[in-house]
Amino acid sequence: MDERERHALGMQNRRAVLGDAHVDRAIAGTTALNSEFQDLITRYAWGEIWSRPEIDHETRRLLTMSMLIALNREHEFVMHVRAALQHGVSVARIKEVILQSAIYCGVPAANSAFQATAAIVTELGLD
């Protein structure tokens, strides 16, 4: 696969995982400073890793959420939780990821994740 094909596949996965509205905002926010970064993450994160067939998208979503909890990356966590809920991942599954993270990442990290998730659940009318 050449880099143009990898980018196209990456954009397809990026849209499937995060939704068109989010990707359109990211593309609209592309500048001379971050354009190479946007290309890099589209080709490698979305075109290379998210396209691997051994792990389905729902599992990758859950893994990503747990890693973002561990790294205390709330902005990215919120983005992935919102996208997961909008693409059919249940609140119950996300709750299990957060509970698991409480043991391995710490209670404060899980507490922040629960608070962020609760806000999204309310916003989307899923409570």
N, C-alpha and C. Protein backbone atom coordinates (compact mmCIF):
# COMPACT_ATOMS: atom_id res chain seq x y z
N MET A 1 0.85 -1.17 0.00
CA MET A 1 0.00 0.00 0.00
C MET A 1 0.89 1.24 0.00
N ASP A 2 0.60 2.17 -0.89
CA ASP A 2 1.40 3.40 -0.89
C ASP A 2 0.82 4.39 0.12
N GLU A 3 1.50 5.50 0.31
CA GLU A 3 1.12 6.45 1.35
C GLU A 3 -0.23 7.12 1.07
N ARG A 4 -0.57 7.34 -0.21
CA ARG A 4 -1.88 7.91 -0.53
C ARG A 4 -3.00 6.94 -0.17
N GLU A 5 -2.79 5.65 -0.44
CA GLU A 5 -3.79 4.64 -0.10
C GLU A 5 -3.92 4.51 1.42
N ARG A 6 -2.78 4.55 2.11
CA ARG A 6 -2.80 4.46 3.57
C ARG A 6 -3.53 5.66 4.16
N HIS A 7 -3.32 6.84 3.60
CA HIS A 7 -4.01 8.04 4.06
C HIS A 7 -5.52 7.90 3.83
N ALA A 8 -5.91 7.42 2.66
CA ALA A 8 -7.34 7.25 2.36
C ALA A 8 -7.98 6.24 3.32
N LEU A 9 -7.30 5.13 3.57
CA LEU A 9 -7.80 4.15 4.53
C LEU A 9 -7.86 4.75 5.93
N GLY A 10 -6.84 5.52 6.28
CA GLY A 10 -6.82 6.18 7.57
C GLY A 10 -7.98 7.14 7.74
N MET A 11 -8.28 7.90 6.71
CA MET A 11 -9.39 8.84 6.78
C MET A 11 -10.72 8.08 6.92
N GLN A 12 -10.83 6.97 6.22
CA GLN A 12 -12.04 6.14 6.33
C GLN A 12 -12.21 5.63 7.76
N ASN A 13 -11.14 5.11 8.36
CA ASN A 13 -11.20 4.63 9.74
C ASN A 13 -11.44 5.76 10.72
N ARG A 14 -10.77 6.85 10.52
CA ARG A 14 -10.92 8.01 11.40
C ARG A 14 -12.37 8.46 11.44
N ARG A 15 -13.00 8.54 10.27
CA ARG A 15 -14.40 8.93 10.20
C ARG A 15 -15.31 7.87 10.83
N ALA A 16 -14.99 6.59 10.62
CA ALA A 16 -15.80 5.51 11.19
C ALA A 16 -15.73 5.51 12.71
N VAL A 17 -14.58 5.85 13.26
CA VAL A 17 -14.39 5.80 14.71
C VAL A 17 -14.84 7.09 15.38
N LEU A 18 -14.47 8.23 14.84
CA LEU A 18 -14.73 9.51 15.51
C LEU A 18 -15.95 10.26 14.96
N GLY A 19 -16.39 9.89 13.78
CA GLY A 19 -17.52 10.57 13.17
C GLY A 19 -17.10 11.68 12.24
N ASP A 20 -17.94 11.93 11.25
CA ASP A 20 -17.63 12.96 10.25
C ASP A 20 -17.48 14.35 10.85
N ALA A 21 -18.35 14.70 11.78
CA ALA A 21 -18.31 16.06 12.34
C ALA A 21 -16.97 16.33 13.01
N HIS A 22 -16.48 15.38 13.80
CA HIS A 22 -15.20 15.58 14.48
C HIS A 22 -14.06 15.69 13.47
N VAL A 23 -14.03 14.78 12.50
CA VAL A 23 -12.96 14.79 11.51
C VAL A 23 -13.01 16.06 10.67
N ASP A 24 -14.21 16.49 10.30
CA ASP A 24 -14.33 17.73 9.54
C ASP A 24 -13.79 18.92 10.33
N ARG A 25 -14.06 18.96 11.64
CA ARG A 25 -13.52 20.05 12.49
C ARG A 25 -11.99 19.98 12.53
N ALA A 26 -11.45 18.77 12.67
CA ALA A 26 -10.00 18.62 12.72
C ALA A 26 -9.36 19.07 11.41
N ILE A 27 -9.96 18.69 10.30
CA ILE A 27 -9.44 19.10 8.99
C ILE A 27 -9.53 20.61 8.83
N ALA A 28 -10.65 21.18 9.25
CA ALA A 28 -10.82 22.64 9.15
C ALA A 28 -9.80 23.38 10.01
N GLY A 29 -9.35 22.74 11.09
CA GLY A 29 -8.37 23.36 11.98
C GLY A 29 -6.93 23.09 11.58
N THR A 30 -6.72 22.49 10.43
CA THR A 30 -5.37 22.20 9.97
C THR A 30 -4.68 23.49 9.56
N THR A 31 -3.45 23.64 10.06
CA THR A 31 -2.66 24.84 9.76
C THR A 31 -1.30 24.41 9.20
N ALA A 32 -0.52 25.38 8.81
CA ALA A 32 0.84 25.08 8.34
C ALA A 32 1.64 24.40 9.45
N LEU A 33 1.36 24.77 10.70
CA LEU A 33 2.08 24.18 11.83
C LEU A 33 1.73 22.72 12.04
N ASN A 34 0.44 22.36 11.96
CA ASN A 34 0.04 21.00 12.32
C ASN A 34 -0.32 20.09 11.15
N SER A 35 -0.18 20.56 9.92
CA SER A 35 -0.62 19.75 8.77
C SER A 35 0.16 18.44 8.66
N GLU A 36 1.44 18.46 8.91
CA GLU A 36 2.22 17.22 8.83
C GLU A 36 1.83 16.26 9.95
N PHE A 37 1.50 16.79 11.12
CA PHE A 37 1.02 15.95 12.22
C PHE A 37 -0.31 15.32 11.86
N GLN A 38 -1.24 16.09 11.30
CA GLN A 38 -2.53 15.54 10.87
C GLN A 38 -2.34 14.42 9.86
N ASP A 39 -1.44 14.62 8.91
CA ASP A 39 -1.15 13.59 7.92
C ASP A 39 -0.56 12.35 8.59
N LEU A 40 0.37 12.56 9.51
CA LEU A 40 1.01 11.45 10.23
C LEU A 40 0.00 10.60 10.98
N ILE A 41 -0.86 11.23 11.78
CA ILE A 41 -1.81 10.44 12.56
C ILE A 41 -2.85 9.77 11.67
N THR A 42 -3.20 10.43 10.56
CA THR A 42 -4.17 9.81 9.65
C THR A 42 -3.56 8.56 9.02
N ARG A 43 -2.33 8.65 8.56
CA ARG A 43 -1.69 7.50 7.91
C ARG A 43 -1.34 6.39 8.90
N TYR A 44 -0.75 6.75 10.03
CA TYR A 44 -0.23 5.71 10.92
C TYR A 44 -1.21 5.26 12.00
N ALA A 45 -1.79 6.20 12.74
CA ALA A 45 -2.74 5.77 13.78
C ALA A 45 -3.97 5.15 13.13
N TRP A 46 -4.56 5.86 12.17
CA TRP A 46 -5.82 5.42 11.59
C TRP A 46 -5.65 4.51 10.39
N GLY A 47 -4.65 4.73 9.56
CA GLY A 47 -4.45 3.91 8.37
C GLY A 47 -3.68 2.63 8.62
N GLU A 48 -2.81 2.64 9.60
CA GLU A 48 -1.99 1.46 9.89
C GLU A 48 -2.54 0.67 11.08
N ILE A 49 -2.67 1.30 12.23
CA ILE A 49 -3.05 0.58 13.45
C ILE A 49 -4.54 0.26 13.49
N TRP A 50 -5.40 1.25 13.30
CA TRP A 50 -6.84 1.01 13.41
C TRP A 50 -7.37 0.13 12.27
N SER A 51 -6.58 -0.12 11.25
CA SER A 51 -7.04 -0.97 10.15
C SER A 51 -6.61 -2.43 10.31
N ARG A 52 -5.83 -2.73 11.33
CA ARG A 52 -5.38 -4.11 11.53
C ARG A 52 -6.58 -4.98 11.90
N PRO A 53 -6.70 -6.15 11.29
CA PRO A 53 -7.91 -6.96 11.47
C PRO A 53 -7.96 -7.80 12.74
N GLU A 54 -6.88 -7.91 13.46
CA GLU A 54 -6.85 -8.81 14.62
C GLU A 54 -7.69 -8.30 15.79
N ILE A 55 -7.90 -7.00 15.87
CA ILE A 55 -8.70 -6.42 16.94
C ILE A 55 -9.78 -5.55 16.29
N ASP A 56 -11.03 -5.80 16.66
CA ASP A 56 -12.14 -5.03 16.08
C ASP A 56 -12.16 -3.61 16.66
N HIS A 57 -12.93 -2.73 16.01
CA HIS A 57 -12.96 -1.33 16.43
C HIS A 57 -13.48 -1.15 17.85
N GLU A 58 -14.48 -1.91 18.26
CA GLU A 58 -14.99 -1.72 19.63
C GLU A 58 -13.91 -2.04 20.65
N THR A 59 -13.18 -3.12 20.45
CA THR A 59 -12.10 -3.46 21.38
C THR A 59 -11.02 -2.39 21.37
N ARG A 60 -10.67 -1.90 20.19
CA ARG A 60 -9.67 -0.82 20.12
C ARG A 60 -10.17 0.43 20.85
N ARG A 61 -11.45 0.71 20.73
CA ARG A 61 -12.02 1.86 21.45
C ARG A 61 -11.83 1.70 22.96
N LEU A 62 -12.16 0.51 23.47
CA LEU A 62 -12.06 0.26 24.91
C LEU A 62 -10.61 0.31 25.37
N LEU A 63 -9.70 -0.26 24.59
CA LEU A 63 -8.27 -0.19 24.92
C LEU A 63 -7.79 1.25 24.95
N THR A 64 -8.20 2.01 23.96
CA THR A 64 -7.79 3.41 23.87
C THR A 64 -8.29 4.19 25.08
N MET A 65 -9.54 3.97 25.46
CA MET A 65 -10.07 4.67 26.63
C MET A 65 -9.26 4.34 27.87
N SER A 66 -8.92 3.07 28.06
CA SER A 66 -8.17 2.70 29.26
C SER A 66 -6.79 3.34 29.26
N MET A 67 -6.15 3.40 28.10
CA MET A 67 -4.83 4.04 28.03
C MET A 67 -4.91 5.53 28.29
N LEU A 68 -5.96 6.16 27.79
CA LEU A 68 -6.12 7.60 28.02
C LEU A 68 -6.40 7.90 29.49
N ILE A 69 -7.12 7.00 30.17
CA ILE A 69 -7.31 7.15 31.62
C ILE A 69 -5.95 7.06 32.31
N ALA A 70 -5.18 6.06 31.94
CA ALA A 70 -3.86 5.86 32.57
C ALA A 70 -2.95 7.06 32.37
N LEU A 71 -3.04 7.68 31.22
CA LEU A 71 -2.17 8.81 30.90
C LEU A 71 -2.76 10.16 31.32
N ASN A 72 -3.98 10.13 31.89
CA ASN A 72 -4.66 11.35 32.31
C ASN A 72 -4.81 12.34 31.15
N ARG A 73 -5.30 11.83 30.04
CA ARG A 73 -5.52 12.65 28.84
C ARG A 73 -7.03 12.84 28.66
N GLU A 74 -7.62 13.65 29.54
CA GLU A 74 -9.07 13.79 29.60
C GLU A 74 -9.67 14.28 28.29
N HIS A 75 -9.03 15.24 27.64
CA HIS A 75 -9.59 15.77 26.39
C HIS A 75 -9.76 14.65 25.36
N GLU A 76 -8.73 13.84 25.18
CA GLU A 76 -8.80 12.73 24.23
C GLU A 76 -9.77 11.65 24.72
N PHE A 77 -9.78 11.41 26.04
CA PHE A 77 -10.71 10.43 26.62
C PHE A 77 -12.15 10.82 26.30
N VAL A 78 -12.49 12.07 26.53
CA VAL A 78 -13.84 12.56 26.27
C VAL A 78 -14.19 12.37 24.79
N MET A 79 -13.28 12.68 23.91
CA MET A 79 -13.52 12.53 22.48
C MET A 79 -13.83 11.06 22.14
N HIS A 80 -13.05 10.14 22.70
CA HIS A 80 -13.25 8.72 22.40
C HIS A 80 -14.50 8.15 23.06
N VAL A 81 -14.84 8.61 24.26
CA VAL A 81 -16.07 8.15 24.90
C VAL A 81 -17.28 8.61 24.10
N ARG A 82 -17.29 9.88 23.73
CA ARG A 82 -18.42 10.41 22.95
C ARG A 82 -18.57 9.61 21.65
N ALA A 83 -17.48 9.40 20.95
CA ALA A 83 -17.54 8.66 19.68
C ALA A 83 -17.99 7.23 19.91
N ALA A 84 -17.50 6.60 20.97
CA ALA A 84 -17.89 5.21 21.26
C ALA A 84 -19.38 5.11 21.52
N LEU A 85 -19.91 6.01 22.33
CA LEU A 85 -21.34 5.99 22.62
C LEU A 85 -22.17 6.25 21.36
N GLN A 86 -21.71 7.14 20.53
CA GLN A 86 -22.44 7.46 19.30
C GLN A 86 -22.36 6.33 18.28
N HIS A 87 -21.42 5.41 18.47
CA HIS A 87 -21.25 4.30 17.54
C HIS A 87 -21.61 2.96 18.17
N GLY A 88 -22.44 2.99 19.22
CA GLY A 88 -23.02 1.76 19.72
C GLY A 88 -22.34 1.05 20.88
N VAL A 89 -21.24 1.59 21.39
CA VAL A 89 -20.64 0.98 22.58
C VAL A 89 -21.54 1.33 23.77
N SER A 90 -21.85 0.35 24.58
CA SER A 90 -22.78 0.59 25.69
C SER A 90 -22.12 1.34 26.84
N VAL A 91 -22.94 2.06 27.57
CA VAL A 91 -22.48 2.73 28.79
C VAL A 91 -21.92 1.69 29.76
N ALA A 92 -22.56 0.52 29.83
CA ALA A 92 -22.12 -0.54 30.74
C ALA A 92 -20.70 -0.99 30.42
N ARG A 93 -20.36 -1.11 29.14
CA ARG A 93 -18.99 -1.53 28.77
C ARG A 93 -17.98 -0.46 29.13
N ILE A 94 -18.33 0.79 28.90
CA ILE A 94 -17.42 1.88 29.26
C ILE A 94 -17.23 1.92 30.77
N LYS A 95 -18.32 1.71 31.51
CA LYS A 95 -18.21 1.66 32.98
C LYS A 95 -17.23 0.58 33.41
N GLU A 96 -17.26 -0.58 32.77
CA GLU A 96 -16.34 -1.67 33.12
C GLU A 96 -14.89 -1.29 32.85
N VAL A 97 -14.65 -0.57 31.76
CA VAL A 97 -13.30 -0.10 31.47
C VAL A 97 -12.83 0.84 32.57
N ILE A 98 -13.69 1.74 33.00
CA ILE A 98 -13.31 2.69 34.04
C ILE A 98 -13.07 1.98 35.36
N LEU A 99 -13.93 1.02 35.71
CA LEU A 99 -13.72 0.26 36.95
C LEU A 99 -12.39 -0.49 36.91
N GLN A 100 -12.10 -1.13 35.79
CA GLN A 100 -10.82 -1.84 35.63
C GLN A 100 -9.65 -0.86 35.79
N SER A 101 -9.83 0.31 35.21
CA SER A 101 -8.78 1.34 35.30
C SER A 101 -8.58 1.84 36.72
N ALA A 102 -9.63 1.81 37.53
CA ALA A 102 -9.49 2.24 38.93
C ALA A 102 -8.45 1.38 39.64
N ILE A 103 -8.45 0.09 39.33
CA ILE A 103 -7.50 -0.82 39.99
C ILE A 103 -6.09 -0.63 39.46
N TYR A 104 -5.94 -0.50 38.15
CA TYR A 104 -4.60 -0.47 37.55
C TYR A 104 -4.04 0.93 37.32
N CYS A 105 -4.91 1.94 37.29
CA CYS A 105 -4.45 3.31 37.03
C CYS A 105 -4.64 4.24 38.22
N GLY A 106 -5.50 3.84 39.14
CA GLY A 106 -5.74 4.64 40.32
C GLY A 106 -7.14 5.19 40.40
N VAL A 107 -7.61 5.32 41.61
CA VAL A 107 -8.96 5.81 41.86
C VAL A 107 -9.15 7.24 41.37
N PRO A 108 -8.20 8.16 41.59
CA PRO A 108 -8.42 9.52 41.08
C PRO A 108 -8.59 9.56 39.55
N ALA A 109 -7.84 8.75 38.83
CA ALA A 109 -7.97 8.71 37.37
C ALA A 109 -9.35 8.18 36.99
N ALA A 110 -9.80 7.13 37.67
CA ALA A 110 -11.13 6.57 37.38
C ALA A 110 -12.22 7.55 37.77
N ASN A 111 -12.06 8.26 38.86
CA ASN A 111 -13.04 9.25 39.29
C ASN A 111 -13.22 10.32 38.22
N SER A 112 -12.10 10.83 37.70
CA SER A 112 -12.17 11.83 36.62
C SER A 112 -12.85 11.24 35.39
N ALA A 113 -12.55 9.99 35.07
CA ALA A 113 -13.16 9.34 33.90
C ALA A 113 -14.66 9.18 34.10
N PHE A 114 -15.08 8.79 35.31
CA PHE A 114 -16.51 8.67 35.58
C PHE A 114 -17.21 10.01 35.45
N GLN A 115 -16.59 11.07 35.97
CA GLN A 115 -17.20 12.40 35.87
C GLN A 115 -17.34 12.84 34.42
N ALA A 116 -16.29 12.63 33.64
CA ALA A 116 -16.33 13.02 32.23
C ALA A 116 -17.37 12.20 31.47
N THR A 117 -17.41 10.90 31.75
CA THR A 117 -18.37 10.02 31.07
C THR A 117 -19.80 10.40 31.44
N ALA A 118 -20.05 10.68 32.72
CA ALA A 118 -21.39 11.06 33.16
C ALA A 118 -21.88 12.29 32.42
N ALA A 119 -21.00 13.26 32.21
CA ALA A 119 -21.38 14.48 31.49
C ALA A 119 -21.77 14.16 30.05
N ILE A 120 -21.02 13.27 29.42
CA ILE A 120 -21.31 12.90 28.03
C ILE A 120 -22.60 12.11 27.96
N VAL A 121 -22.79 11.18 28.89
CA VAL A 121 -24.01 10.37 28.93
C VAL A 121 -25.23 11.29 29.06
N THR A 122 -25.14 12.27 29.93
CA THR A 122 -26.23 13.23 30.10
C THR A 122 -26.43 14.05 28.83
N GLU A 123 -25.35 14.55 28.27
CA GLU A 123 -25.41 15.36 27.05
C GLU A 123 -26.10 14.59 25.91
N LEU A 124 -25.81 13.30 25.80
CA LEU A 124 -26.37 12.49 24.72
C LEU A 124 -27.74 11.89 25.08
N GLY A 125 -28.21 12.19 26.29
CA GLY A 125 -29.52 11.68 26.72
C GLY A 125 -29.55 10.18 26.93
N LEU A 126 -28.45 9.62 27.39
CA LEU A 126 -28.35 8.17 27.58
C LEU A 126 -28.49 7.76 29.03
N ASP A 127 -28.78 8.72 29.93
CA ASP A 127 -28.90 8.38 31.34
C ASP A 127 -30.31 8.03 31.75
